[in-house]
Amino acid sequence: MMAALFFPGPAQAMRSLLVRQVRAVFNDRKRGETPVVPSEQALFEPDSPIRMVHADVVAMMVGGMRALLLQMLHPAALQGVLDHSDFREDVEGRLRRTARFIATTTYGHCDEAARAVARVNAIHGRVNGTLPDGTAYSATDPRVLAWVHLAEATSFLEAYLTYADPAMPGSAQDRYFAQSAVVAGMLGAAPVPRSRAEAAALLDEMRGELHGGPAAREVAAFLLEGEDRRKPGRITRTLGIAAVDLLPPFARTMLGLRRPGIGGLPAIAGTQAMAGAVRWAFAGSL
């Protein structure tokens, strides 16, 4: 019995390894980052829809890639990335910082969440410039922020429904939008959907503002395929295929992408298996 206390079996050892590997993806140890610890004074109560959705690691990774692809369809969001981001040199860092912000505002103490929002708002205040057609843009534009939020909220929820809980009640999905609107409002986004119906209506409303030109397609290709000197790993490619599969048809068309056919089934099945494995590893740890 004493040996079992100090020498865990293969299952526990595998669980610990998976947890360490996943946490290493989302926390930069060189910068002293440690996992966000859930607080009793968080913006959202335990077991609420937003905490359930944002706790599913693989769904968030697939949803995050889907959101990035959608966001690049808005000319101002795209130009802000091109002008003010080093995403080509640090794709993983960009995704990690976004994931950490979401974790902090979802699970962290409400004061820390407010500080995280203030830091992002300060960064947005410095992101401005001119579109190719001469139109000025700013990352503080409420409508641009609304598109960024809409892309994220719909993507995270869609991935969660696909890879975690297809039976999530409609009322819980509506509450997810209402809860995610809290942080979007703190960031200055407007209008912000608070239900599935409002999200669908806003998506239809903003379709005319989107553009799938050469720059958007080039960024999408880079995110999914990398370039000669920087190719994505197998897991990233797998998650990318899953993200493209979940894109709205109009977005795939605008980005010059095709929905994965039979050849993409192994990647989608692999994502499902990955989701199950990570969920098992983290069971009881949040």
C-alpha atoms as a PDB file:
ATOM      1  CA  MET A   1       0.000   0.000   0.000  1.00  0.00           C
ATOM      2  CA  MET A   2       2.840   2.391   0.811  1.00  0.00           C
ATOM      3  CA  ALA A   3       4.438   1.688  -2.572  1.00  0.00           C
ATOM      4  CA  ALA A   4       1.219   2.741  -4.316  1.00  0.00           C
ATOM      5  CA  LEU A   5       1.452   6.112  -2.608  1.00  0.00           C
ATOM      6  CA  PHE A   6       4.865   6.859  -4.016  1.00  0.00           C
ATOM      7  CA  PHE A   7       4.848   4.930  -7.302  1.00  0.00           C
ATOM      8  CA  PRO A   8       1.690   5.704  -9.273  1.00  0.00           C
ATOM      9  CA  GLY A   9       0.514   3.209 -11.859  1.00  0.00           C
ATOM     10  CA  PRO A  10       0.812   3.676 -15.627  1.00  0.00           C
ATOM     11  CA  ALA A  11      -2.589   5.380 -15.914  1.00  0.00           C
ATOM     12  CA  GLN A  12      -1.794   8.009 -13.316  1.00  0.00           C
ATOM     13  CA  ALA A  13       1.668   8.565 -14.770  1.00  0.00           C
ATOM     14  CA  MET A  14       0.150   9.098 -18.231  1.00  0.00           C
ATOM     15  CA  ARG A  15      -2.458  11.458 -16.784  1.00  0.00           C
ATOM     16  CA  SER A  16       0.238  13.540 -15.068  1.00  0.00           C
ATOM     17  CA  LEU A  17       2.317  13.666 -18.250  1.00  0.00           C
ATOM     18  CA  LEU A  18      -0.624  14.875 -20.325  1.00  0.00           C
ATOM     19  CA  VAL A  19      -1.501  17.542 -17.772  1.00  0.00           C
ATOM     20  CA  ARG A  20       2.092  18.826 -17.708  1.00  0.00           C
ATOM     21  CA  GLN A  21       2.310  18.902 -21.496  1.00  0.00           C
ATOM     22  CA  VAL A  22      -0.968  20.772 -21.914  1.00  0.00           C
ATOM     23  CA  ARG A  23      -0.127  23.295 -19.206  1.00  0.00           C
ATOM     24  CA  ALA A  24       3.247  23.892 -20.834  1.00  0.00           C
ATOM     25  CA  VAL A  25       1.457  24.882 -24.049  1.00  0.00           C
ATOM     26  CA  PHE A  26      -0.538  27.606 -22.289  1.00  0.00           C
ATOM     27  CA  ASN A  27       2.054  28.869 -19.805  1.00  0.00           C
ATOM     28  CA  ASP A  28       5.419  30.346 -20.765  1.00  0.00           C
ATOM     29  CA  ARG A  29       7.759  29.074 -18.066  1.00  0.00           C
ATOM     30  CA  LYS A  30      10.554  31.374 -19.261  1.00  0.00           C
ATOM     31  CA  ARG A  31       8.356  34.305 -18.282  1.00  0.00           C
ATOM     32  CA  GLY A  32       7.438  32.725 -14.983  1.00  0.00           C
ATOM     33  CA  GLU A  33       3.857  31.971 -15.986  1.00  0.00           C
ATOM     34  CA  THR A  34       1.904  29.407 -13.991  1.00  0.00           C
ATOM     35  CA  PRO A  35      -1.615  28.057 -14.599  1.00  0.00           C
ATOM     36  CA  VAL A  36      -4.476  30.393 -13.706  1.00  0.00           C
ATOM     37  CA  VAL A  37      -5.970  29.237 -10.404  1.00  0.00           C
ATOM     38  CA  PRO A  38      -9.793  29.320 -10.262  1.00  0.00           C
ATOM     39  CA  SER A  39     -10.998  31.912  -7.751  1.00  0.00           C
ATOM     40  CA  GLU A  40     -14.156  32.025  -5.687  1.00  0.00           C
ATOM     41  CA  GLN A  41     -14.309  35.723  -6.608  1.00  0.00           C
ATOM     42  CA  ALA A  42     -14.216  35.182 -10.374  1.00  0.00           C
ATOM     43  CA  LEU A  43     -16.533  37.035 -12.735  1.00  0.00           C
ATOM     44  CA  PHE A  44     -18.461  33.815 -13.308  1.00  0.00           C
ATOM     45  CA  GLU A  45     -19.636  31.205 -10.842  1.00  0.00           C
ATOM     46  CA  PRO A  46     -18.405  27.570 -10.907  1.00  0.00           C
ATOM     47  CA  ASP A  47     -20.175  25.156 -13.273  1.00  0.00           C
ATOM     48  CA  SER A  48     -21.681  28.021 -15.282  1.00  0.00           C
ATOM     49  CA  PRO A  49     -21.738  27.611 -19.086  1.00  0.00           C
ATOM     50  CA  ILE A  50     -18.769  29.885 -19.793  1.00  0.00           C
ATOM     51  CA  ARG A  51     -16.575  28.020 -17.321  1.00  0.00           C
ATOM     52  CA  MET A  52     -17.613  24.658 -18.750  1.00  0.00           C
ATOM     53  CA  VAL A  53     -16.943  25.706 -22.363  1.00  0.00           C
ATOM     54  CA  HIS A  54     -13.617  27.403 -21.630  1.00  0.00           C
ATOM     55  CA  ALA A  55     -12.414  24.437 -19.559  1.00  0.00           C
ATOM     56  CA  ASP A  56     -12.368  22.086 -22.538  1.00  0.00           C
ATOM     57  CA  VAL A  57      -8.804  22.417 -23.811  1.00  0.00           C
ATOM     58  CA  VAL A  58      -9.097  20.804 -27.238  1.00  0.00           C
ATOM     59  CA  ALA A  59     -12.391  22.520 -28.053  1.00  0.00           C
ATOM     60  CA  MET A  60     -10.778  25.833 -27.155  1.00  0.00           C
ATOM     61  CA  MET A  61      -7.771  25.110 -29.379  1.00  0.00           C
ATOM     62  CA  VAL A  62      -9.973  24.191 -32.348  1.00  0.00           C
ATOM     63  CA  GLY A  63     -12.271  27.114 -31.608  1.00  0.00           C
ATOM     64  CA  GLY A  64      -9.314  29.463 -31.298  1.00  0.00           C
ATOM     65  CA  MET A  65      -8.042  28.568 -34.758  1.00  0.00           C
ATOM     66  CA  ARG A  66     -11.539  28.866 -36.225  1.00  0.00           C
ATOM     67  CA  ALA A  67     -11.882  32.288 -34.590  1.00  0.00           C
ATOM     68  CA  LEU A  68      -8.589  33.523 -36.030  1.00  0.00           C
ATOM     69  CA  LEU A  69      -9.635  32.468 -39.523  1.00  0.00           C
ATOM     70  CA  LEU A  70     -12.962  34.274 -39.162  1.00  0.00           C
ATOM     71  CA  GLN A  71     -11.377  37.401 -37.698  1.00  0.00           C
ATOM     72  CA  MET A  72      -9.095  37.758 -40.724  1.00  0.00           C
ATOM     73  CA  LEU A  73     -12.175  38.354 -42.881  1.00  0.00           C
ATOM     74  CA  HIS A  74     -12.696  41.794 -41.350  1.00  0.00           C
ATOM     75  CA  PRO A  75     -10.397  44.283 -43.157  1.00  0.00           C
ATOM     76  CA  ALA A  76      -9.649  46.326 -40.023  1.00  0.00           C
ATOM     77  CA  ALA A  77      -8.946  43.283 -37.847  1.00  0.00           C
ATOM     78  CA  LEU A  78      -6.701  41.867 -40.572  1.00  0.00           C
ATOM     79  CA  GLN A  79      -4.784  45.108 -41.122  1.00  0.00           C
ATOM     80  CA  GLY A  80      -4.235  45.514 -37.402  1.00  0.00           C
ATOM     81  CA  VAL A  81      -2.579  42.101 -37.302  1.00  0.00           C
ATOM     82  CA  LEU A  82      -0.484  42.814 -40.390  1.00  0.00           C
ATOM     83  CA  ASP A  83       0.664  46.223 -39.134  1.00  0.00           C
ATOM     84  CA  HIS A  84       1.126  45.606 -35.424  1.00  0.00           C
ATOM     85  CA  SER A  85       1.706  41.888 -34.838  1.00  0.00           C
ATOM     86  CA  ASP A  86       4.640  39.497 -35.064  1.00  0.00           C
ATOM     87  CA  PHE A  87       2.291  36.567 -35.588  1.00  0.00           C
ATOM     88  CA  ARG A  88       4.486  35.079 -38.311  1.00  0.00           C
ATOM     89  CA  GLU A  89       7.343  34.719 -35.858  1.00  0.00           C
ATOM     90  CA  ASP A  90       5.281  33.725 -32.845  1.00  0.00           C
ATOM     91  CA  VAL A  91       1.974  32.082 -33.747  1.00  0.00           C
ATOM     92  CA  GLU A  92       2.115  29.893 -30.644  1.00  0.00           C
ATOM     93  CA  GLY A  93       2.804  32.913 -28.446  1.00  0.00           C
ATOM     94  CA  ARG A  94      -0.187  34.793 -29.838  1.00  0.00           C
ATOM     95  CA  LEU A  95      -2.483  31.833 -29.223  1.00  0.00           C
ATOM     96  CA  ARG A  96      -1.025  31.327 -25.736  1.00  0.00           C
ATOM     97  CA  ARG A  97      -1.564  34.965 -24.764  1.00  0.00           C
ATOM     98  CA  THR A  98      -5.154  34.852 -25.990  1.00  0.00           C
ATOM     99  CA  ALA A  99      -5.791  31.623 -24.103  1.00  0.00           C
ATOM    100  CA  ARG A 100      -4.303  33.078 -20.931  1.00  0.00           C
ATOM    101  CA  PHE A 101      -6.476  36.177 -21.207  1.00  0.00           C
ATOM    102  CA  ILE A 102      -9.566  34.004 -21.571  1.00  0.00           C
ATOM    103  CA  ALA A 103      -8.542  31.854 -18.612  1.00  0.00           C
ATOM    104  CA  THR A 104      -7.890  34.901 -16.442  1.00  0.00           C
ATOM    105  CA  THR A 105     -11.190  36.606 -17.274  1.00  0.00           C
ATOM    106  CA  THR A 106     -13.133  33.354 -16.886  1.00  0.00           C
ATOM    107  CA  TYR A 107     -11.583  31.775 -13.782  1.00  0.00           C
ATOM    108  CA  GLY A 108      -9.271  34.340 -12.165  1.00  0.00           C
ATOM    109  CA  HIS A 109     -10.131  36.762  -9.386  1.00  0.00           C
ATOM    110  CA  CYS A 110     -12.343  39.577 -10.664  1.00  0.00           C
ATOM    111  CA  ASP A 111      -9.638  42.138  -9.843  1.00  0.00           C
ATOM    112  CA  GLU A 112      -7.075  40.242 -11.923  1.00  0.00           C
ATOM    113  CA  ALA A 113      -9.626  39.927 -14.717  1.00  0.00           C
ATOM    114  CA  ALA A 114     -10.098  43.713 -14.660  1.00  0.00           C
ATOM    115  CA  ARG A 115      -6.332  44.239 -14.833  1.00  0.00           C
ATOM    116  CA  ALA A 116      -6.081  41.853 -17.793  1.00  0.00           C
ATOM    117  CA  VAL A 117      -8.818  43.762 -19.610  1.00  0.00           C
ATOM    118  CA  ALA A 118      -7.098  47.077 -18.856  1.00  0.00           C
ATOM    119  CA  ARG A 119      -3.842  45.770 -20.354  1.00  0.00           C
ATOM    120  CA  VAL A 120      -5.591  44.676 -23.543  1.00  0.00           C
ATOM    121  CA  ASN A 121      -7.455  47.979 -23.812  1.00  0.00           C
ATOM    122  CA  ALA A 122      -4.148  49.832 -23.490  1.00  0.00           C
ATOM    123  CA  ILE A 123      -2.644  47.731 -26.297  1.00  0.00           C
ATOM    124  CA  HIS A 124      -5.686  48.333 -28.491  1.00  0.00           C
ATOM    125  CA  GLY A 125      -5.268  52.067 -27.960  1.00  0.00           C
ATOM    126  CA  ARG A 126      -1.942  51.888 -29.802  1.00  0.00           C
ATOM    127  CA  VAL A 127      -3.224  49.802 -32.719  1.00  0.00           C
ATOM    128  CA  ASN A 128      -4.377  52.059 -35.513  1.00  0.00           C
ATOM    129  CA  GLY A 129      -3.485  52.870 -39.084  1.00  0.00           C
ATOM    130  CA  THR A 130      -4.853  53.057 -42.613  1.00  0.00           C
ATOM    131  CA  LEU A 131      -6.471  50.399 -44.767  1.00  0.00           C
ATOM    132  CA  PRO A 132      -5.247  49.916 -48.367  1.00  0.00           C
ATOM    133  CA  ASP A 133      -8.205  51.994 -49.587  1.00  0.00           C
ATOM    134  CA  GLY A 134      -7.169  54.926 -47.378  1.00  0.00           C
ATOM    135  CA  THR A 135      -9.773  54.367 -44.656  1.00  0.00           C
ATOM    136  CA  ALA A 136      -8.517  54.843 -41.109  1.00  0.00           C
ATOM    137  CA  TYR A 137      -8.883  51.938 -38.694  1.00  0.00           C
ATOM    138  CA  SER A 138      -8.509  51.528 -34.947  1.00  0.00           C
ATOM    139  CA  ALA A 139      -8.534  48.471 -32.684  1.00  0.00           C
ATOM    140  CA  THR A 140     -10.748  50.466 -30.311  1.00  0.00           C
ATOM    141  CA  ASP A 141     -13.557  50.638 -32.881  1.00  0.00           C
ATOM    142  CA  PRO A 142     -16.534  49.029 -31.076  1.00  0.00           C
ATOM    143  CA  ARG A 143     -17.742  47.315 -34.241  1.00  0.00           C
ATOM    144  CA  VAL A 144     -14.354  45.792 -35.049  1.00  0.00           C
ATOM    145  CA  LEU A 145     -14.181  44.540 -31.469  1.00  0.00           C
ATOM    146  CA  ALA A 146     -17.704  43.173 -31.895  1.00  0.00           C
ATOM    147  CA  TRP A 147     -16.566  41.075 -34.870  1.00  0.00           C
ATOM    148  CA  VAL A 148     -13.520  39.796 -32.975  1.00  0.00           C
ATOM    149  CA  HIS A 149     -15.759  38.820 -30.058  1.00  0.00           C
ATOM    150  CA  LEU A 150     -18.441  37.272 -32.268  1.00  0.00           C
ATOM    151  CA  ALA A 151     -15.828  35.157 -34.050  1.00  0.00           C
ATOM    152  CA  GLU A 152     -14.445  33.910 -30.739  1.00  0.00           C
ATOM    153  CA  ALA A 153     -17.722  33.247 -28.932  1.00  0.00           C
ATOM    154  CA  THR A 154     -19.348  31.393 -31.825  1.00  0.00           C
ATOM    155  CA  SER A 155     -16.159  29.414 -32.486  1.00  0.00           C
ATOM    156  CA  PHE A 156     -15.582  28.316 -28.898  1.00  0.00           C
ATOM    157  CA  LEU A 157     -19.187  27.243 -28.514  1.00  0.00           C
ATOM    158  CA  GLU A 158     -19.306  25.452 -31.879  1.00  0.00           C
ATOM    159  CA  ALA A 159     -16.142  23.507 -31.060  1.00  0.00           C
ATOM    160  CA  TYR A 160     -17.466  22.654 -27.594  1.00  0.00           C
ATOM    161  CA  LEU A 161     -20.717  21.323 -29.057  1.00  0.00           C
ATOM    162  CA  THR A 162     -18.755  19.249 -31.555  1.00  0.00           C
ATOM    163  CA  TYR A 163     -15.982  17.865 -29.378  1.00  0.00           C
ATOM    164  CA  ALA A 164     -17.283  17.994 -25.805  1.00  0.00           C
ATOM    165  CA  ASP A 165     -21.048  18.194 -25.253  1.00  0.00           C
ATOM    166  CA  PRO A 166     -23.348  17.947 -28.302  1.00  0.00           C
ATOM    167  CA  ALA A 167     -26.322  17.739 -25.910  1.00  0.00           C
ATOM    168  CA  MET A 168     -25.674  21.106 -24.245  1.00  0.00           C
ATOM    169  CA  PRO A 169     -29.150  22.614 -23.692  1.00  0.00           C
ATOM    170  CA  GLY A 170     -30.131  25.621 -25.748  1.00  0.00           C
ATOM    171  CA  SER A 171     -30.730  27.635 -22.595  1.00  0.00           C
ATOM    172  CA  ALA A 172     -27.141  26.981 -21.495  1.00  0.00           C
ATOM    173  CA  GLN A 173     -25.867  28.040 -24.929  1.00  0.00           C
ATOM    174  CA  ASP A 174     -27.800  31.295 -24.651  1.00  0.00           C
ATOM    175  CA  ARG A 175     -26.362  31.865 -21.194  1.00  0.00           C
ATOM    176  CA  TYR A 176     -22.860  31.285 -22.594  1.00  0.00           C
ATOM    177  CA  PHE A 177     -23.379  34.208 -24.976  1.00  0.00           C
ATOM    178  CA  ALA A 178     -24.795  36.357 -22.170  1.00  0.00           C
ATOM    179  CA  GLN A 179     -21.787  35.602 -19.953  1.00  0.00           C
ATOM    180  CA  SER A 180     -19.180  36.111 -22.674  1.00  0.00           C
ATOM    181  CA  ALA A 181     -20.825  39.459 -23.427  1.00  0.00           C
ATOM    182  CA  VAL A 182     -19.682  40.693 -20.021  1.00  0.00           C
ATOM    183  CA  VAL A 183     -15.995  40.614 -20.973  1.00  0.00           C
ATOM    184  CA  ALA A 184     -16.728  41.841 -24.502  1.00  0.00           C
ATOM    185  CA  GLY A 185     -18.438  44.867 -22.991  1.00  0.00           C
ATOM    186  CA  MET A 186     -15.442  45.532 -20.741  1.00  0.00           C
ATOM    187  CA  LEU A 187     -13.298  45.575 -23.887  1.00  0.00           C
ATOM    188  CA  GLY A 188     -15.563  48.115 -25.577  1.00  0.00           C
ATOM    189  CA  ALA A 189     -17.240  45.856 -28.144  1.00  0.00           C
ATOM    190  CA  ALA A 190     -20.672  46.864 -29.441  1.00  0.00           C
ATOM    191  CA  PRO A 191     -23.100  45.498 -30.397  1.00  0.00           C
ATOM    192  CA  VAL A 192     -22.621  42.322 -28.375  1.00  0.00           C
ATOM    193  CA  PRO A 193     -24.923  39.293 -28.787  1.00  0.00           C
ATOM    194  CA  ARG A 194     -26.436  37.802 -25.633  1.00  0.00           C
ATOM    195  CA  SER A 195     -28.092  34.736 -27.147  1.00  0.00           C
ATOM    196  CA  ARG A 196     -27.809  32.330 -30.069  1.00  0.00           C
ATOM    197  CA  ALA A 197     -30.463  34.261 -31.977  1.00  0.00           C
ATOM    198  CA  GLU A 198     -28.660  37.576 -31.483  1.00  0.00           C
ATOM    199  CA  ALA A 199     -25.349  36.004 -32.510  1.00  0.00           C
ATOM    200  CA  ALA A 200     -26.869  34.619 -35.718  1.00  0.00           C
ATOM    201  CA  ALA A 201     -28.495  37.980 -36.487  1.00  0.00           C
ATOM    202  CA  LEU A 202     -25.251  39.893 -35.933  1.00  0.00           C
ATOM    203  CA  LEU A 203     -23.345  37.445 -38.135  1.00  0.00           C
ATOM    204  CA  ASP A 204     -25.819  38.040 -40.959  1.00  0.00           C
ATOM    205  CA  GLU A 205     -25.648  41.795 -40.374  1.00  0.00           C
ATOM    206  CA  MET A 206     -21.849  41.940 -40.559  1.00  0.00           C
ATOM    207  CA  ARG A 207     -21.440  39.699 -43.608  1.00  0.00           C
ATOM    208  CA  GLY A 208     -21.343  42.741 -45.872  1.00  0.00           C
ATOM    209  CA  GLU A 209     -18.347  44.172 -43.973  1.00  0.00           C
ATOM    210  CA  LEU A 210     -16.190  41.107 -44.581  1.00  0.00           C
ATOM    211  CA  HIS A 211     -13.708  40.613 -47.387  1.00  0.00           C
ATOM    212  CA  GLY A 212     -11.821  37.504 -48.413  1.00  0.00           C
ATOM    213  CA  GLY A 213      -9.075  39.131 -50.460  1.00  0.00           C
ATOM    214  CA  PRO A 214      -5.532  37.913 -51.179  1.00  0.00           C
ATOM    215  CA  ALA A 215      -4.175  39.145 -47.816  1.00  0.00           C
ATOM    216  CA  ALA A 216      -6.816  37.280 -45.802  1.00  0.00           C
ATOM    217  CA  ARG A 217      -6.255  34.122 -47.835  1.00  0.00           C
ATOM    218  CA  GLU A 218      -2.500  34.377 -47.424  1.00  0.00           C
ATOM    219  CA  VAL A 219      -2.777  34.704 -43.646  1.00  0.00           C
ATOM    220  CA  ALA A 220      -5.207  31.771 -43.510  1.00  0.00           C
ATOM    221  CA  ALA A 221      -2.812  29.633 -45.543  1.00  0.00           C
ATOM    222  CA  PHE A 222       0.046  30.580 -43.220  1.00  0.00           C
ATOM    223  CA  LEU A 223      -1.962  29.721 -40.099  1.00  0.00           C
ATOM    224  CA  LEU A 224      -2.921  26.327 -41.499  1.00  0.00           C
ATOM    225  CA  GLU A 225       0.161  25.342 -43.504  1.00  0.00           C
ATOM    226  CA  GLY A 226       2.985  27.573 -42.288  1.00  0.00           C
ATOM    227  CA  GLU A 227       5.786  28.397 -44.683  1.00  0.00           C
ATOM    228  CA  ASP A 228       9.011  26.773 -45.859  1.00  0.00           C
ATOM    229  CA  ARG A 229      11.008  27.744 -42.781  1.00  0.00           C
ATOM    230  CA  ARG A 230       8.186  27.279 -40.283  1.00  0.00           C
ATOM    231  CA  LYS A 231       5.869  24.309 -40.774  1.00  0.00           C
ATOM    232  CA  PRO A 232       3.167  23.474 -38.219  1.00  0.00           C
ATOM    233  CA  GLY A 233       3.509  20.245 -36.236  1.00  0.00           C
ATOM    234  CA  ARG A 234       1.203  17.300 -36.712  1.00  0.00           C
ATOM    235  CA  ILE A 235      -1.088  18.262 -33.830  1.00  0.00           C
ATOM    236  CA  THR A 236      -1.439  21.830 -35.093  1.00  0.00           C
ATOM    237  CA  ARG A 237      -2.259  20.599 -38.588  1.00  0.00           C
ATOM    238  CA  THR A 238      -4.842  18.202 -37.152  1.00  0.00           C
ATOM    239  CA  LEU A 239      -6.500  20.975 -35.158  1.00  0.00           C
ATOM    240  CA  GLY A 240      -6.409  23.217 -38.225  1.00  0.00           C
ATOM    241  CA  ILE A 241      -8.326  20.680 -40.301  1.00  0.00           C
ATOM    242  CA  ALA A 242     -10.906  20.415 -37.515  1.00  0.00           C
ATOM    243  CA  ALA A 243     -11.199  24.225 -37.424  1.00  0.00           C
ATOM    244  CA  VAL A 244     -11.741  24.493 -41.183  1.00  0.00           C
ATOM    245  CA  ASP A 245     -14.393  21.777 -40.936  1.00  0.00           C
ATOM    246  CA  LEU A 246     -16.342  23.951 -38.475  1.00  0.00           C
ATOM    247  CA  LEU A 247     -16.142  27.195 -40.474  1.00  0.00           C
ATOM    248  CA  PRO A 248     -19.368  28.547 -41.979  1.00  0.00           C
ATOM    249  CA  PRO A 249     -19.494  27.708 -45.703  1.00  0.00           C
ATOM    250  CA  PHE A 250     -19.331  31.400 -46.686  1.00  0.00           C
ATOM    251  CA  ALA A 251     -16.100  31.836 -44.695  1.00  0.00           C
ATOM    252  CA  ARG A 252     -14.428  28.841 -46.342  1.00  0.00           C
ATOM    253  CA  THR A 253     -15.365  30.234 -49.754  1.00  0.00           C
ATOM    254  CA  MET A 254     -14.039  33.710 -48.925  1.00  0.00           C
ATOM    255  CA  LEU A 255     -10.762  32.252 -47.632  1.00  0.00           C
ATOM    256  CA  GLY A 256     -10.342  29.884 -50.574  1.00  0.00           C
ATOM    257  CA  LEU A 257     -10.624  26.812 -48.360  1.00  0.00           C
ATOM    258  CA  ARG A 258     -12.476  23.576 -48.881  1.00  0.00           C
ATOM    259  CA  ARG A 259     -14.284  21.570 -46.247  1.00  0.00           C
ATOM    260  CA  PRO A 260     -12.204  18.483 -45.443  1.00  0.00           C
ATOM    261  CA  GLY A 261     -13.505  15.497 -47.355  1.00  0.00           C
ATOM    262  CA  ILE A 262     -12.797  11.827 -46.741  1.00  0.00           C
ATOM    263  CA  GLY A 263      -9.107  12.656 -46.453  1.00  0.00           C
ATOM    264  CA  GLY A 264      -9.837  14.869 -43.475  1.00  0.00           C
ATOM    265  CA  LEU A 265     -11.741  12.232 -41.505  1.00  0.00           C
ATOM    266  CA  PRO A 266      -8.635  10.850 -39.756  1.00  0.00           C
ATOM    267  CA  ALA A 267      -7.742  14.335 -38.504  1.00  0.00           C
ATOM    268  CA  ILE A 268     -11.267  14.933 -37.225  1.00  0.00           C
ATOM    269  CA  ALA A 269     -11.338  11.517 -35.561  1.00  0.00           C
ATOM    270  CA  GLY A 270      -7.909  12.253 -34.111  1.00  0.00           C
ATOM    271  CA  THR A 271      -9.176  15.534 -32.678  1.00  0.00           C
ATOM    272  CA  GLN A 272     -12.078  13.701 -31.063  1.00  0.00           C
ATOM    273  CA  ALA A 273      -9.695  11.171 -29.531  1.00  0.00           C
ATOM    274  CA  MET A 274      -7.363  13.953 -28.366  1.00  0.00           C
ATOM    275  CA  ALA A 275     -10.285  15.741 -26.723  1.00  0.00           C
ATOM    276  CA  GLY A 276     -11.259  12.608 -24.844  1.00  0.00           C
ATOM    277  CA  ALA A 277      -7.722  11.956 -23.681  1.00  0.00           C
ATOM    278  CA  VAL A 278      -7.165  15.502 -22.414  1.00  0.00           C
ATOM    279  CA  ARG A 279     -10.576  15.530 -20.713  1.00  0.00           C
ATOM    280  CA  TRP A 280      -9.657  12.278 -18.942  1.00  0.00           C
ATOM    281  CA  ALA A 281      -6.279  13.677 -17.883  1.00  0.00           C
ATOM    282  CA  PHE A 282      -7.791  16.808 -16.383  1.00  0.00           C
ATOM    283  CA  ALA A 283     -10.787  15.114 -14.749  1.00  0.00           C
ATOM    284  CA  GLY A 284     -11.171  16.528 -11.250  1.00  0.00           C
ATOM    285  CA  SER A 285      -8.247  18.959 -11.592  1.00  0.00           C
ATOM    286  CA  LEU A 286     -10.234  22.158 -12.322  1.00  0.00           C
END
